[in-house]
Amino acid sequence: MRVSELVDASGLPLATIKYYLREGLLMPGEATSATQSKYGDQHVERLVLIKALTGVGLPIGRIRTVLQLIEHPDSSLVETLGRAISELPPYLDGGDASEYPRARAAMGKLGQVYDPRFAAVAQLERALQSAEDVGIPMTDERLEVYGRAIRRIAEYDLALMPETTDAAVEYAVLGTAIYEPIMTALRRLAHQDIASTTPEPKNVSERQDR
C-alpha cells in the first residue's frame, strides 16, 4: 500500500507517520522509486501498537525501548517482560531489596516470588507505604482477598499469552497498559453497585440524637 493508504488504514495523520519513521519507531517501507515506498500489514500493526502506547501516556523514548525489546528480546522471557513492564507507569527509582520491606513481606504472605529487580516490586512498596501514610494500611485479610482475586486474573491472562517471545512481550505490555484501567473502572463500578443496595450510614448528628 502507498503511504496515503497507510494513513487511512492506521487512522493516523501523515505528519505523525512521517515523525514515527524519522524516530525509527516505524520501520521503513520498501522503496519503489526515489520518492515513494510501499507499506504492508506489518506497518499497520506497528502503528496500531504505537498508537496504543501513546494513548496510555508513554513517551517516545519508552515506546522505543518497548519496541526494541519486542524485536530483540532477551534470552529469558521473564527478564524481557520485566524490562518491558518497567517502561510503563508509574515510574519509580530503582533500589536494592533492603528498600522494599513492605513488598517483601506481602509477597511472602502470598507465597509469591519476590524479585526486587522487577519494577512492580518498587511500585508495590510505594503503594503500601502510601496506604500506611493515610491511615489505612494493608491488612493480612485484605491482602489475602486482593491477592487471591488478582492471581486468578493473572492466571487467565497468562493462559492466553502467545508462545513466541516477541508476541508474548507485546501481549504483556499492551495487556498491562490497556487492561489495568479497565480493572480499576470495574472495581469502582462494583463499589457503586454494592453501595446502591447497602443502607446509608448514619451521620454523627443522627447518632447523637438517638
N, C-alpha and C. Protein backbone atom coordinates (compact mmCIF):
# COMPACT_ATOMS: atom_id res chain seq x y z
N MET A 1 0.83 -1.20 0.00
CA MET A 1 0.00 0.00 0.00
C MET A 1 0.87 1.25 0.00
N ARG A 2 0.34 2.32 -0.55
CA ARG A 2 1.04 3.59 -0.56
C ARG A 2 0.85 4.28 0.79
N VAL A 3 1.63 5.33 1.04
CA VAL A 3 1.57 5.99 2.33
C VAL A 3 0.19 6.58 2.58
N SER A 4 -0.49 7.04 1.52
CA SER A 4 -1.84 7.57 1.70
C SER A 4 -2.80 6.48 2.19
N GLU A 5 -2.60 5.26 1.71
CA GLU A 5 -3.42 4.14 2.16
C GLU A 5 -3.06 3.75 3.59
N LEU A 6 -1.80 3.91 3.94
CA LEU A 6 -1.36 3.64 5.31
C LEU A 6 -2.02 4.61 6.28
N VAL A 7 -2.17 5.85 5.85
CA VAL A 7 -2.88 6.85 6.66
C VAL A 7 -4.31 6.40 6.92
N ASP A 8 -4.99 5.96 5.87
CA ASP A 8 -6.38 5.52 6.01
C ASP A 8 -6.49 4.27 6.88
N ALA A 9 -5.57 3.33 6.70
CA ALA A 9 -5.63 2.07 7.43
C ALA A 9 -5.32 2.24 8.92
N SER A 10 -4.42 3.16 9.24
CA SER A 10 -4.00 3.36 10.63
C SER A 10 -4.82 4.40 11.37
N GLY A 11 -5.44 5.32 10.62
CA GLY A 11 -6.18 6.40 11.26
C GLY A 11 -5.29 7.48 11.83
N LEU A 12 -4.02 7.49 11.43
CA LEU A 12 -3.07 8.49 11.91
C LEU A 12 -2.76 9.49 10.81
N PRO A 13 -2.51 10.74 11.17
CA PRO A 13 -2.16 11.75 10.17
C PRO A 13 -0.83 11.43 9.49
N LEU A 14 -0.67 11.91 8.28
CA LEU A 14 0.57 11.68 7.54
C LEU A 14 1.77 12.24 8.30
N ALA A 15 1.61 13.42 8.90
CA ALA A 15 2.72 14.03 9.64
C ALA A 15 3.17 13.15 10.80
N THR A 16 2.22 12.51 11.46
CA THR A 16 2.55 11.63 12.59
C THR A 16 3.30 10.39 12.11
N ILE A 17 2.86 9.82 11.00
CA ILE A 17 3.53 8.65 10.44
C ILE A 17 4.96 8.99 10.03
N LYS A 18 5.13 10.14 9.39
CA LYS A 18 6.47 10.57 9.00
C LYS A 18 7.36 10.79 10.22
N TYR A 19 6.78 11.30 11.28
CA TYR A 19 7.53 11.51 12.53
C TYR A 19 8.00 10.17 13.09
N TYR A 20 7.12 9.18 13.11
CA TYR A 20 7.49 7.87 13.61
C TYR A 20 8.57 7.22 12.73
N LEU A 21 8.50 7.48 11.43
CA LEU A 21 9.55 6.98 10.53
C LEU A 21 10.89 7.64 10.86
N ARG A 22 10.89 8.95 11.07
CA ARG A 22 12.13 9.66 11.39
C ARG A 22 12.72 9.19 12.72
N GLU A 23 11.83 8.91 13.68
CA GLU A 23 12.29 8.50 15.01
C GLU A 23 12.69 7.03 15.06
N GLY A 24 12.43 6.30 13.99
CA GLY A 24 12.78 4.89 13.95
C GLY A 24 11.79 3.98 14.65
N LEU A 25 10.64 4.50 15.04
CA LEU A 25 9.62 3.66 15.68
C LEU A 25 8.91 2.80 14.63
N LEU A 26 8.74 3.36 13.43
CA LEU A 26 8.12 2.63 12.33
C LEU A 26 9.19 2.25 11.33
N MET A 27 9.24 0.98 10.97
CA MET A 27 10.25 0.51 10.03
C MET A 27 9.99 1.12 8.65
N PRO A 28 11.06 1.39 7.88
CA PRO A 28 10.89 1.97 6.54
C PRO A 28 10.11 1.03 5.62
N GLY A 29 9.42 1.63 4.67
CA GLY A 29 8.73 0.83 3.67
C GLY A 29 9.70 0.38 2.58
N GLU A 30 9.20 -0.42 1.66
CA GLU A 30 10.01 -0.89 0.53
C GLU A 30 10.01 0.19 -0.56
N ALA A 31 11.20 0.71 -0.86
CA ALA A 31 11.29 1.79 -1.84
C ALA A 31 10.86 1.32 -3.22
N THR A 32 9.96 2.08 -3.84
CA THR A 32 9.50 1.77 -5.20
C THR A 32 10.00 2.81 -6.20
N SER A 33 10.47 3.93 -5.69
CA SER A 33 11.07 4.97 -6.52
C SER A 33 11.88 5.87 -5.61
N ALA A 34 12.41 6.93 -6.17
CA ALA A 34 13.24 7.84 -5.37
C ALA A 34 12.43 8.57 -4.31
N THR A 35 11.11 8.68 -4.51
CA THR A 35 10.28 9.47 -3.60
C THR A 35 9.12 8.68 -3.00
N GLN A 36 8.97 7.41 -3.33
CA GLN A 36 7.82 6.65 -2.86
C GLN A 36 8.26 5.29 -2.28
N SER A 37 7.45 4.80 -1.35
CA SER A 37 7.71 3.49 -0.74
C SER A 37 6.41 2.73 -0.63
N LYS A 38 6.53 1.43 -0.51
CA LYS A 38 5.36 0.55 -0.37
C LYS A 38 5.33 0.01 1.05
N TYR A 39 4.14 -0.03 1.64
CA TYR A 39 3.98 -0.48 3.01
C TYR A 39 3.04 -1.67 3.06
N GLY A 40 3.13 -2.43 4.16
CA GLY A 40 2.33 -3.65 4.29
C GLY A 40 1.59 -3.72 5.60
N ASP A 41 1.00 -4.88 5.86
CA ASP A 41 0.22 -5.06 7.08
C ASP A 41 1.06 -4.89 8.34
N GLN A 42 2.36 -5.25 8.26
CA GLN A 42 3.22 -5.12 9.44
C GLN A 42 3.38 -3.66 9.85
N HIS A 43 3.29 -2.75 8.88
CA HIS A 43 3.38 -1.33 9.20
C HIS A 43 2.10 -0.86 9.89
N VAL A 44 0.96 -1.36 9.44
CA VAL A 44 -0.30 -1.02 10.09
C VAL A 44 -0.30 -1.54 11.52
N GLU A 45 0.15 -2.78 11.71
CA GLU A 45 0.18 -3.38 13.05
C GLU A 45 1.11 -2.60 13.97
N ARG A 46 2.25 -2.17 13.45
CA ARG A 46 3.19 -1.39 14.27
C ARG A 46 2.58 -0.05 14.66
N LEU A 47 1.88 0.60 13.73
CA LEU A 47 1.26 1.89 14.04
C LEU A 47 0.14 1.73 15.06
N VAL A 48 -0.60 0.65 14.97
CA VAL A 48 -1.64 0.38 15.96
C VAL A 48 -1.02 0.22 17.35
N LEU A 49 0.11 -0.49 17.42
CA LEU A 49 0.81 -0.68 18.69
C LEU A 49 1.31 0.65 19.24
N ILE A 50 1.95 1.43 18.39
CA ILE A 50 2.46 2.74 18.83
C ILE A 50 1.32 3.63 19.31
N LYS A 51 0.23 3.61 18.56
CA LYS A 51 -0.94 4.42 18.92
C LYS A 51 -1.47 4.02 20.29
N ALA A 52 -1.51 2.73 20.56
CA ALA A 52 -2.00 2.26 21.86
C ALA A 52 -1.08 2.70 22.98
N LEU A 53 0.23 2.64 22.76
CA LEU A 53 1.18 3.01 23.80
C LEU A 53 1.19 4.51 24.05
N THR A 54 1.09 5.29 22.99
CA THR A 54 1.00 6.75 23.20
C THR A 54 -0.32 7.10 23.86
N GLY A 55 -1.36 6.31 23.59
CA GLY A 55 -2.67 6.58 24.17
C GLY A 55 -2.71 6.43 25.68
N VAL A 56 -1.81 5.62 26.24
CA VAL A 56 -1.76 5.46 27.70
C VAL A 56 -0.65 6.31 28.30
N GLY A 57 -0.10 7.22 27.50
CA GLY A 57 0.82 8.20 28.04
C GLY A 57 2.30 7.89 27.99
N LEU A 58 2.71 6.87 27.27
CA LEU A 58 4.14 6.56 27.20
C LEU A 58 4.85 7.57 26.31
N PRO A 59 5.97 8.11 26.78
CA PRO A 59 6.77 9.00 25.94
C PRO A 59 7.51 8.21 24.86
N ILE A 60 7.96 8.92 23.85
CA ILE A 60 8.59 8.28 22.69
C ILE A 60 9.78 7.41 23.09
N GLY A 61 10.61 7.88 24.01
CA GLY A 61 11.79 7.12 24.42
C GLY A 61 11.44 5.77 25.00
N ARG A 62 10.40 5.72 25.82
CA ARG A 62 10.00 4.45 26.43
C ARG A 62 9.32 3.54 25.41
N ILE A 63 8.58 4.13 24.48
CA ILE A 63 7.99 3.33 23.41
C ILE A 63 9.09 2.68 22.58
N ARG A 64 10.15 3.44 22.30
CA ARG A 64 11.26 2.89 21.53
C ARG A 64 11.88 1.69 22.25
N THR A 65 12.04 1.79 23.56
CA THR A 65 12.61 0.68 24.33
C THR A 65 11.71 -0.55 24.25
N VAL A 66 10.41 -0.36 24.40
CA VAL A 66 9.47 -1.49 24.32
C VAL A 66 9.54 -2.14 22.95
N LEU A 67 9.57 -1.34 21.90
CA LEU A 67 9.63 -1.89 20.55
C LEU A 67 10.93 -2.65 20.31
N GLN A 68 12.03 -2.14 20.87
CA GLN A 68 13.31 -2.84 20.73
C GLN A 68 13.27 -4.19 21.44
N LEU A 69 12.61 -4.24 22.60
CA LEU A 69 12.51 -5.50 23.34
C LEU A 69 11.62 -6.50 22.60
N ILE A 70 10.60 -6.01 21.91
CA ILE A 70 9.75 -6.88 21.12
C ILE A 70 10.54 -7.46 19.94
N GLU A 71 11.33 -6.60 19.30
CA GLU A 71 12.09 -7.05 18.13
C GLU A 71 13.31 -7.87 18.51
N HIS A 72 13.94 -7.51 19.63
CA HIS A 72 15.17 -8.19 20.06
C HIS A 72 15.06 -8.57 21.54
N PRO A 73 14.23 -9.54 21.87
CA PRO A 73 14.04 -9.92 23.28
C PRO A 73 15.29 -10.56 23.87
N ASP A 74 15.38 -10.51 25.21
CA ASP A 74 16.46 -11.21 25.90
C ASP A 74 16.24 -12.71 25.79
N SER A 75 17.26 -13.47 26.18
CA SER A 75 17.14 -14.93 26.14
C SER A 75 16.09 -15.43 27.11
N SER A 76 15.86 -14.70 28.20
CA SER A 76 14.88 -15.07 29.21
C SER A 76 13.60 -14.27 29.01
N LEU A 77 12.48 -14.96 28.89
CA LEU A 77 11.20 -14.28 28.74
C LEU A 77 10.88 -13.45 29.98
N VAL A 78 11.17 -13.99 31.17
CA VAL A 78 10.89 -13.27 32.41
C VAL A 78 11.67 -11.96 32.46
N GLU A 79 12.95 -12.02 32.08
CA GLU A 79 13.78 -10.80 32.08
C GLU A 79 13.24 -9.79 31.08
N THR A 80 12.87 -10.26 29.90
CA THR A 80 12.36 -9.37 28.87
C THR A 80 11.06 -8.71 29.32
N LEU A 81 10.16 -9.51 29.87
CA LEU A 81 8.90 -8.95 30.35
C LEU A 81 9.13 -7.93 31.46
N GLY A 82 10.05 -8.25 32.36
CA GLY A 82 10.36 -7.31 33.44
C GLY A 82 10.86 -5.98 32.92
N ARG A 83 11.75 -6.02 31.95
CA ARG A 83 12.29 -4.79 31.37
C ARG A 83 11.21 -4.01 30.63
N ALA A 84 10.35 -4.74 29.92
CA ALA A 84 9.29 -4.07 29.17
C ALA A 84 8.26 -3.43 30.10
N ILE A 85 7.85 -4.16 31.13
CA ILE A 85 6.86 -3.64 32.07
C ILE A 85 7.41 -2.43 32.82
N SER A 86 8.73 -2.38 33.04
CA SER A 86 9.32 -1.25 33.75
C SER A 86 9.20 0.05 32.97
N GLU A 87 8.89 -0.05 31.67
CA GLU A 87 8.70 1.15 30.85
C GLU A 87 7.30 1.73 31.00
N LEU A 88 6.43 1.03 31.73
CA LEU A 88 5.06 1.51 31.93
C LEU A 88 4.95 2.25 33.26
N PRO A 89 4.06 3.24 33.34
CA PRO A 89 3.86 3.95 34.61
C PRO A 89 3.15 3.07 35.63
N PRO A 90 3.30 3.41 36.94
CA PRO A 90 4.01 4.56 37.49
C PRO A 90 5.51 4.34 37.52
N TYR A 91 6.27 5.40 37.27
CA TYR A 91 7.72 5.30 37.20
C TYR A 91 8.33 5.61 38.56
N LEU A 92 9.21 4.72 39.01
CA LEU A 92 9.86 4.88 40.30
C LEU A 92 11.34 4.61 40.15
N ASP A 93 12.12 5.19 41.07
CA ASP A 93 13.55 4.91 41.09
C ASP A 93 13.78 3.49 41.58
N GLY A 94 14.82 2.87 41.06
CA GLY A 94 15.15 1.51 41.49
C GLY A 94 15.85 1.51 42.84
N GLY A 95 16.19 0.32 43.30
CA GLY A 95 16.87 0.18 44.57
C GLY A 95 17.17 -1.27 44.83
N ASP A 96 17.74 -1.55 46.01
CA ASP A 96 18.01 -2.95 46.32
C ASP A 96 16.92 -3.51 47.23
N ALA A 97 17.06 -4.78 47.54
CA ALA A 97 15.99 -5.47 48.27
C ALA A 97 15.71 -4.84 49.62
N SER A 98 16.70 -4.22 50.26
CA SER A 98 16.50 -3.67 51.59
C SER A 98 15.53 -2.49 51.57
N GLU A 99 15.26 -1.95 50.40
CA GLU A 99 14.39 -0.79 50.31
C GLU A 99 12.91 -1.17 50.18
N TYR A 100 12.61 -2.45 50.09
CA TYR A 100 11.24 -2.86 49.85
C TYR A 100 10.72 -3.81 50.92
N PRO A 101 10.77 -3.44 52.19
CA PRO A 101 10.35 -4.38 53.25
C PRO A 101 8.87 -4.71 53.19
N ARG A 102 8.03 -3.74 52.83
CA ARG A 102 6.58 -4.00 52.77
C ARG A 102 6.25 -4.96 51.64
N ALA A 103 6.85 -4.72 50.49
CA ALA A 103 6.60 -5.59 49.34
C ALA A 103 7.12 -7.00 49.61
N ARG A 104 8.29 -7.08 50.24
CA ARG A 104 8.86 -8.40 50.56
C ARG A 104 7.92 -9.18 51.49
N ALA A 105 7.41 -8.48 52.51
CA ALA A 105 6.51 -9.14 53.45
C ALA A 105 5.21 -9.56 52.77
N ALA A 106 4.68 -8.70 51.90
CA ALA A 106 3.42 -9.02 51.21
C ALA A 106 3.59 -10.22 50.30
N MET A 107 4.69 -10.25 49.55
CA MET A 107 4.94 -11.39 48.67
C MET A 107 5.12 -12.68 49.47
N GLY A 108 5.76 -12.56 50.64
CA GLY A 108 5.94 -13.73 51.49
C GLY A 108 4.61 -14.28 51.98
N LYS A 109 3.71 -13.39 52.40
CA LYS A 109 2.41 -13.83 52.89
C LYS A 109 1.58 -14.46 51.78
N LEU A 110 1.76 -13.98 50.55
CA LEU A 110 1.02 -14.53 49.42
C LEU A 110 1.68 -15.77 48.83
N GLY A 111 2.92 -16.05 49.28
CA GLY A 111 3.64 -17.20 48.75
C GLY A 111 4.12 -17.01 47.33
N GLN A 112 4.39 -15.77 46.95
CA GLN A 112 4.81 -15.48 45.59
C GLN A 112 6.29 -15.11 45.54
N VAL A 113 6.85 -15.20 44.33
CA VAL A 113 8.26 -14.89 44.11
C VAL A 113 8.51 -13.42 44.42
N TYR A 114 9.58 -13.16 45.17
CA TYR A 114 10.00 -11.79 45.45
C TYR A 114 11.29 -11.53 44.70
N ASP A 115 11.24 -10.64 43.72
CA ASP A 115 12.42 -10.28 42.94
C ASP A 115 12.48 -8.76 42.85
N PRO A 116 13.35 -8.12 43.64
CA PRO A 116 13.39 -6.65 43.70
C PRO A 116 13.80 -6.00 42.39
N ARG A 117 14.28 -6.78 41.42
CA ARG A 117 14.64 -6.19 40.12
C ARG A 117 13.40 -5.88 39.29
N PHE A 118 12.28 -6.53 39.61
CA PHE A 118 11.06 -6.32 38.85
C PHE A 118 10.43 -5.01 39.28
N ALA A 119 10.09 -4.15 38.32
CA ALA A 119 9.63 -2.79 38.62
C ALA A 119 8.40 -2.78 39.51
N ALA A 120 7.53 -3.78 39.37
CA ALA A 120 6.30 -3.80 40.16
C ALA A 120 6.57 -3.92 41.65
N VAL A 121 7.73 -4.45 42.04
CA VAL A 121 8.06 -4.54 43.46
C VAL A 121 8.19 -3.15 44.07
N ALA A 122 8.93 -2.29 43.38
CA ALA A 122 9.07 -0.91 43.86
C ALA A 122 7.73 -0.19 43.85
N GLN A 123 6.91 -0.46 42.83
CA GLN A 123 5.59 0.16 42.76
C GLN A 123 4.71 -0.29 43.92
N LEU A 124 4.78 -1.59 44.25
CA LEU A 124 4.00 -2.11 45.37
C LEU A 124 4.47 -1.50 46.68
N GLU A 125 5.78 -1.39 46.85
CA GLU A 125 6.33 -0.79 48.08
C GLU A 125 5.81 0.62 48.27
N ARG A 126 5.86 1.42 47.21
CA ARG A 126 5.38 2.80 47.29
C ARG A 126 3.89 2.85 47.59
N ALA A 127 3.11 1.97 46.98
CA ALA A 127 1.67 1.96 47.20
C ALA A 127 1.33 1.55 48.64
N LEU A 128 2.03 0.54 49.16
CA LEU A 128 1.79 0.10 50.52
C LEU A 128 2.17 1.18 51.53
N GLN A 129 3.27 1.88 51.25
CA GLN A 129 3.67 2.97 52.13
C GLN A 129 2.64 4.09 52.12
N SER A 130 2.10 4.40 50.94
CA SER A 130 1.08 5.44 50.83
C SER A 130 -0.16 5.06 51.63
N ALA A 131 -0.53 3.78 51.57
CA ALA A 131 -1.69 3.31 52.34
C ALA A 131 -1.46 3.50 53.84
N GLU A 132 -0.25 3.22 54.29
CA GLU A 132 0.09 3.43 55.69
C GLU A 132 0.04 4.90 56.05
N ASP A 133 0.56 5.73 55.16
CA ASP A 133 0.65 7.17 55.44
C ASP A 133 -0.71 7.81 55.65
N VAL A 134 -1.74 7.30 54.94
CA VAL A 134 -3.08 7.90 55.08
C VAL A 134 -3.92 7.17 56.12
N GLY A 135 -3.33 6.21 56.83
CA GLY A 135 -4.02 5.57 57.93
C GLY A 135 -4.90 4.38 57.58
N ILE A 136 -4.72 3.82 56.37
CA ILE A 136 -5.47 2.60 56.01
C ILE A 136 -4.49 1.55 55.49
N PRO A 137 -3.62 1.07 56.38
CA PRO A 137 -2.61 0.10 55.95
C PRO A 137 -3.22 -1.20 55.46
N MET A 138 -2.49 -1.89 54.63
CA MET A 138 -2.92 -3.18 54.10
C MET A 138 -2.94 -4.22 55.21
N THR A 139 -4.11 -4.77 55.49
CA THR A 139 -4.22 -5.83 56.49
C THR A 139 -3.97 -7.19 55.84
N ASP A 140 -3.70 -8.18 56.66
CA ASP A 140 -3.49 -9.53 56.14
C ASP A 140 -4.74 -10.04 55.43
N GLU A 141 -5.91 -9.73 56.00
CA GLU A 141 -7.16 -10.19 55.40
C GLU A 141 -7.39 -9.55 54.03
N ARG A 142 -7.17 -8.24 53.94
CA ARG A 142 -7.35 -7.56 52.66
C ARG A 142 -6.33 -8.06 51.64
N LEU A 143 -5.10 -8.26 52.09
CA LEU A 143 -4.06 -8.76 51.20
C LEU A 143 -4.43 -10.12 50.64
N GLU A 144 -4.98 -10.98 51.48
CA GLU A 144 -5.37 -12.32 51.03
C GLU A 144 -6.49 -12.24 49.99
N VAL A 145 -7.49 -11.39 50.25
CA VAL A 145 -8.61 -11.26 49.32
C VAL A 145 -8.14 -10.67 47.99
N TYR A 146 -7.36 -9.58 48.07
CA TYR A 146 -6.85 -8.95 46.85
C TYR A 146 -5.95 -9.92 46.09
N GLY A 147 -5.05 -10.55 46.83
CA GLY A 147 -4.08 -11.44 46.19
C GLY A 147 -4.74 -12.60 45.49
N ARG A 148 -5.76 -13.19 46.12
CA ARG A 148 -6.45 -14.33 45.53
C ARG A 148 -7.18 -13.93 44.25
N ALA A 149 -7.87 -12.78 44.29
CA ALA A 149 -8.61 -12.32 43.11
C ALA A 149 -7.67 -11.94 41.97
N ILE A 150 -6.60 -11.25 42.30
CA ILE A 150 -5.67 -10.80 41.26
C ILE A 150 -4.91 -11.97 40.66
N ARG A 151 -4.62 -12.97 41.47
CA ARG A 151 -3.92 -14.13 40.92
C ARG A 151 -4.80 -14.86 39.90
N ARG A 152 -6.09 -14.93 40.14
CA ARG A 152 -6.99 -15.55 39.17
C ARG A 152 -6.95 -14.79 37.84
N ILE A 153 -6.91 -13.47 37.93
CA ILE A 153 -6.83 -12.65 36.72
C ILE A 153 -5.51 -12.93 36.00
N ALA A 154 -4.41 -12.96 36.77
CA ALA A 154 -3.09 -13.19 36.18
C ALA A 154 -3.00 -14.56 35.52
N GLU A 155 -3.57 -15.57 36.17
CA GLU A 155 -3.54 -16.92 35.59
C GLU A 155 -4.32 -16.96 34.28
N TYR A 156 -5.44 -16.28 34.24
CA TYR A 156 -6.22 -16.22 33.00
C TYR A 156 -5.44 -15.50 31.91
N ASP A 157 -4.83 -14.36 32.27
CA ASP A 157 -4.05 -13.60 31.28
C ASP A 157 -2.92 -14.45 30.70
N LEU A 158 -2.17 -15.11 31.56
CA LEU A 158 -1.01 -15.87 31.11
C LEU A 158 -1.40 -17.11 30.32
N ALA A 159 -2.57 -17.65 30.58
CA ALA A 159 -3.04 -18.80 29.81
C ALA A 159 -3.26 -18.42 28.35
N LEU A 160 -3.49 -17.14 28.09
CA LEU A 160 -3.74 -16.66 26.73
C LEU A 160 -2.49 -16.08 26.07
N MET A 161 -1.37 -16.10 26.79
CA MET A 161 -0.16 -15.49 26.26
C MET A 161 0.38 -16.27 25.06
N PRO A 162 0.77 -15.57 23.99
CA PRO A 162 1.35 -16.26 22.82
C PRO A 162 2.63 -16.99 23.19
N GLU A 163 3.00 -17.95 22.36
CA GLU A 163 4.16 -18.79 22.67
C GLU A 163 5.48 -18.14 22.29
N THR A 164 5.52 -17.32 21.24
CA THR A 164 6.78 -16.69 20.83
C THR A 164 7.08 -15.51 21.75
N THR A 165 8.38 -15.29 22.01
CA THR A 165 8.77 -14.27 22.97
C THR A 165 8.35 -12.88 22.53
N ASP A 166 8.56 -12.54 21.25
CA ASP A 166 8.22 -11.19 20.80
C ASP A 166 6.72 -10.93 20.94
N ALA A 167 5.90 -11.92 20.56
CA ALA A 167 4.45 -11.75 20.69
C ALA A 167 4.04 -11.71 22.16
N ALA A 168 4.73 -12.48 23.01
CA ALA A 168 4.41 -12.50 24.44
C ALA A 168 4.71 -11.15 25.08
N VAL A 169 5.83 -10.53 24.70
CA VAL A 169 6.17 -9.22 25.25
C VAL A 169 5.13 -8.18 24.83
N GLU A 170 4.77 -8.20 23.55
CA GLU A 170 3.75 -7.25 23.07
C GLU A 170 2.43 -7.48 23.80
N TYR A 171 2.05 -8.73 23.97
CA TYR A 171 0.80 -9.07 24.65
C TYR A 171 0.82 -8.58 26.10
N ALA A 172 1.93 -8.81 26.79
CA ALA A 172 2.02 -8.43 28.21
C ALA A 172 2.01 -6.93 28.39
N VAL A 173 2.76 -6.21 27.55
CA VAL A 173 2.83 -4.76 27.68
C VAL A 173 1.48 -4.13 27.36
N LEU A 174 0.90 -4.53 26.22
CA LEU A 174 -0.40 -3.98 25.86
C LEU A 174 -1.47 -4.39 26.87
N GLY A 175 -1.43 -5.65 27.28
CA GLY A 175 -2.42 -6.11 28.25
C GLY A 175 -2.36 -5.33 29.55
N THR A 176 -1.14 -5.04 30.01
CA THR A 176 -0.97 -4.27 31.25
C THR A 176 -1.43 -2.84 31.05
N ALA A 177 -0.98 -2.22 29.97
CA ALA A 177 -1.30 -0.81 29.74
C ALA A 177 -2.77 -0.58 29.48
N ILE A 178 -3.41 -1.48 28.75
CA ILE A 178 -4.79 -1.29 28.33
C ILE A 178 -5.79 -1.82 29.35
N TYR A 179 -5.49 -2.97 29.97
CA TYR A 179 -6.48 -3.61 30.82
C TYR A 179 -6.45 -3.15 32.27
N GLU A 180 -5.34 -2.62 32.76
CA GLU A 180 -5.34 -2.15 34.15
C GLU A 180 -6.34 -1.02 34.38
N PRO A 181 -6.49 -0.05 33.47
CA PRO A 181 -7.55 0.95 33.66
C PRO A 181 -8.95 0.33 33.64
N ILE A 182 -9.12 -0.74 32.85
CA ILE A 182 -10.42 -1.42 32.82
C ILE A 182 -10.70 -2.07 34.17
N MET A 183 -9.68 -2.73 34.74
CA MET A 183 -9.87 -3.37 36.05
C MET A 183 -10.18 -2.34 37.12
N THR A 184 -9.51 -1.19 37.06
CA THR A 184 -9.79 -0.13 38.03
C THR A 184 -11.21 0.37 37.90
N ALA A 185 -11.67 0.59 36.66
CA ALA A 185 -13.03 1.06 36.44
C ALA A 185 -14.05 0.03 36.91
N LEU A 186 -13.81 -1.25 36.63
CA LEU A 186 -14.73 -2.30 37.05
C LEU A 186 -14.83 -2.37 38.58
N ARG A 187 -13.71 -2.19 39.26
CA ARG A 187 -13.71 -2.20 40.73
C ARG A 187 -14.54 -1.04 41.26
N ARG A 188 -14.37 0.14 40.67
CA ARG A 188 -15.14 1.30 41.12
C ARG A 188 -16.63 1.12 40.85
N LEU A 189 -16.96 0.53 39.73
CA LEU A 189 -18.36 0.30 39.40
C LEU A 189 -18.97 -0.76 40.30
N ALA A 190 -18.17 -1.75 40.70
CA ALA A 190 -18.65 -2.75 41.65
C ALA A 190 -18.93 -2.10 43.00
N HIS A 191 -18.05 -1.19 43.43
CA HIS A 191 -18.29 -0.44 44.67
C HIS A 191 -19.63 0.30 44.57
N GLN A 192 -19.83 0.96 43.43
CA GLN A 192 -21.07 1.72 43.24
C GLN A 192 -22.29 0.81 43.31
N ASP A 193 -22.21 -0.33 42.64
CA ASP A 193 -23.34 -1.26 42.60
C ASP A 193 -23.67 -1.80 43.98
N ILE A 194 -22.63 -2.19 44.72
CA ILE A 194 -22.85 -2.72 46.07
C ILE A 194 -23.38 -1.63 47.00
N ALA A 195 -22.83 -0.43 46.88
CA ALA A 195 -23.26 0.68 47.73
C ALA A 195 -24.71 1.06 47.47
N SER A 196 -25.16 0.87 46.24
CA SER A 196 -26.54 1.25 45.89
C SER A 196 -27.58 0.37 46.57
N THR A 197 -27.15 -0.81 47.01
CA THR A 197 -28.09 -1.72 47.69
C THR A 197 -27.77 -1.86 49.18
N THR A 198 -26.87 -1.00 49.67
CA THR A 198 -26.47 -1.03 51.07
C THR A 198 -27.09 0.15 51.80
N PRO A 199 -27.66 -0.03 52.99
CA PRO A 199 -28.25 1.10 53.74
C PRO A 199 -27.22 2.19 53.96
N GLU A 200 -27.69 3.44 53.84
CA GLU A 200 -26.80 4.57 54.06
C GLU A 200 -26.36 4.63 55.52
N PRO A 201 -25.07 4.88 55.78
CA PRO A 201 -24.62 5.01 57.17
C PRO A 201 -25.17 6.29 57.79
N LYS A 202 -25.47 6.25 59.08
CA LYS A 202 -25.97 7.44 59.77
C LYS A 202 -24.81 8.39 60.03
N ASN A 203 -25.10 9.69 59.91
CA ASN A 203 -24.05 10.66 60.19
C ASN A 203 -23.96 10.89 61.69
N VAL A 204 -22.99 11.67 62.11
CA VAL A 204 -22.71 11.86 63.54
C VAL A 204 -23.90 12.46 64.27
N SER A 205 -24.54 13.48 63.70
CA SER A 205 -25.64 14.16 64.38
C SER A 205 -26.83 13.23 64.58
N GLU A 206 -27.10 12.36 63.60
CA GLU A 206 -28.20 11.42 63.74
C GLU A 206 -27.93 10.42 64.85
N ARG A 207 -26.67 9.97 64.96
CA ARG A 207 -26.33 9.02 66.02
C ARG A 207 -26.47 9.65 67.41
N GLN A 208 -26.13 10.95 67.52
CA GLN A 208 -26.20 11.63 68.81
C GLN A 208 -27.64 11.86 69.24
N ASP A 209 -28.55 12.02 68.27
CA ASP A 209 -29.95 12.27 68.59
C ASP A 209 -30.66 11.04 69.13
N ARG A 210 -30.12 9.87 68.86
CA ARG A 210 -30.80 8.63 69.25
C ARG A 210 -30.57 8.32 70.73
